């Protein structure tokens, strides 16, 4: 793979991963900027971290009897 191909791939994946990560984090009340930076710096992994935190938050709310209303 040439350098230009790798660069193009990173240019496409980093912003997409950051946007998805921010969206997931925002759904669970997390702050925008730290998650955006995390999504850019650690693409793809950040998305799974945000999903994991979301699942943990949902389980905590369920255990406490809280609702999303």
Protein backbone atom coordinates (compact mmCIF):
# COMPACT_ATOMS: atom_id res chain seq x y z
CA UNK A 1 0.00 0.00 0.00
CA UNK A 2 1.39 3.35 -0.96
CA UNK A 3 1.64 6.30 1.38
CA UNK A 4 -1.05 8.22 -0.51
CA UNK A 5 -3.48 5.30 -0.17
CA UNK A 6 -2.82 5.09 3.56
CA UNK A 7 -3.23 8.84 3.98
CA UNK A 8 -6.52 8.79 2.08
CA UNK A 9 -7.76 5.93 4.25
CA UNK A 10 -6.90 7.83 7.43
CA UNK A 11 -8.54 10.99 6.13
CA UNK A 12 -11.74 9.03 5.55
CA UNK A 13 -11.75 6.90 8.72
CA UNK A 14 -10.71 9.42 11.39
CA UNK A 15 -13.57 11.92 10.89
CA UNK A 16 -16.16 9.18 10.46
CA UNK A 17 -15.02 7.43 13.62
CA UNK A 18 -14.98 10.72 15.53
CA UNK A 19 -18.52 11.61 14.47
CA UNK A 20 -19.87 8.18 15.37
CA UNK A 21 -18.08 8.27 18.73
CA UNK A 22 -19.42 11.74 19.54
CA UNK A 23 -22.94 10.69 18.62
CA UNK A 24 -22.85 7.62 20.86
CA UNK A 25 -21.28 9.56 23.73
CA UNK A 26 -23.83 12.38 23.37
CA UNK A 27 -26.69 9.88 23.62
CA UNK A 28 -25.43 9.02 27.10
CA UNK A 29 -24.85 12.58 28.25
CA UNK A 30 -21.09 12.74 27.71
CA UNK A 31 -19.28 15.92 26.69
CA UNK A 32 -18.69 16.70 23.01
CA UNK A 33 -15.07 17.88 22.69
CA UNK A 34 -13.21 15.21 24.67
CA UNK A 35 -14.99 12.47 22.77
CA UNK A 36 -14.40 14.17 19.43
CA UNK A 37 -10.67 14.36 20.11
CA UNK A 38 -10.62 10.78 21.35
CA UNK A 39 -12.40 9.68 18.16
CA UNK A 40 -9.81 11.44 15.98
CA UNK A 41 -6.80 10.19 17.92
CA UNK A 42 -7.89 6.58 18.36
CA UNK A 43 -10.16 5.79 15.41
CA UNK A 44 -12.42 2.73 15.57
CA UNK A 45 -11.29 1.80 19.09
CA UNK A 46 -12.99 4.94 20.43
CA UNK A 47 -16.29 3.84 18.96
CA UNK A 48 -16.17 0.55 20.85
CA UNK A 49 -15.15 2.35 24.06
CA UNK A 50 -18.15 4.69 23.71
CA UNK A 51 -20.47 1.73 23.11
CA UNK A 52 -19.07 -0.04 26.18
CA UNK A 53 -19.56 3.03 28.35
CA UNK A 54 -23.09 3.39 27.02
CA UNK A 55 -23.92 -0.20 27.92
CA UNK A 56 -22.44 0.27 31.38
CA UNK A 57 -24.47 3.46 31.88
CA UNK A 58 -27.68 1.74 30.76
CA UNK A 59 -27.08 -1.14 33.18
CA UNK A 60 -26.40 1.30 36.01
CA UNK A 61 -29.62 3.17 35.31
CA UNK A 62 -31.56 -0.06 35.15
CA UNK A 63 -30.14 -1.22 38.48
CA UNK A 64 -31.06 2.11 40.11
CA UNK A 65 -34.56 2.05 38.65
CA UNK A 66 -34.04 5.27 36.68
CA UNK A 67 -35.84 5.95 33.39
CA UNK A 68 -34.76 7.86 30.28
CA UNK A 69 -37.90 10.02 30.22
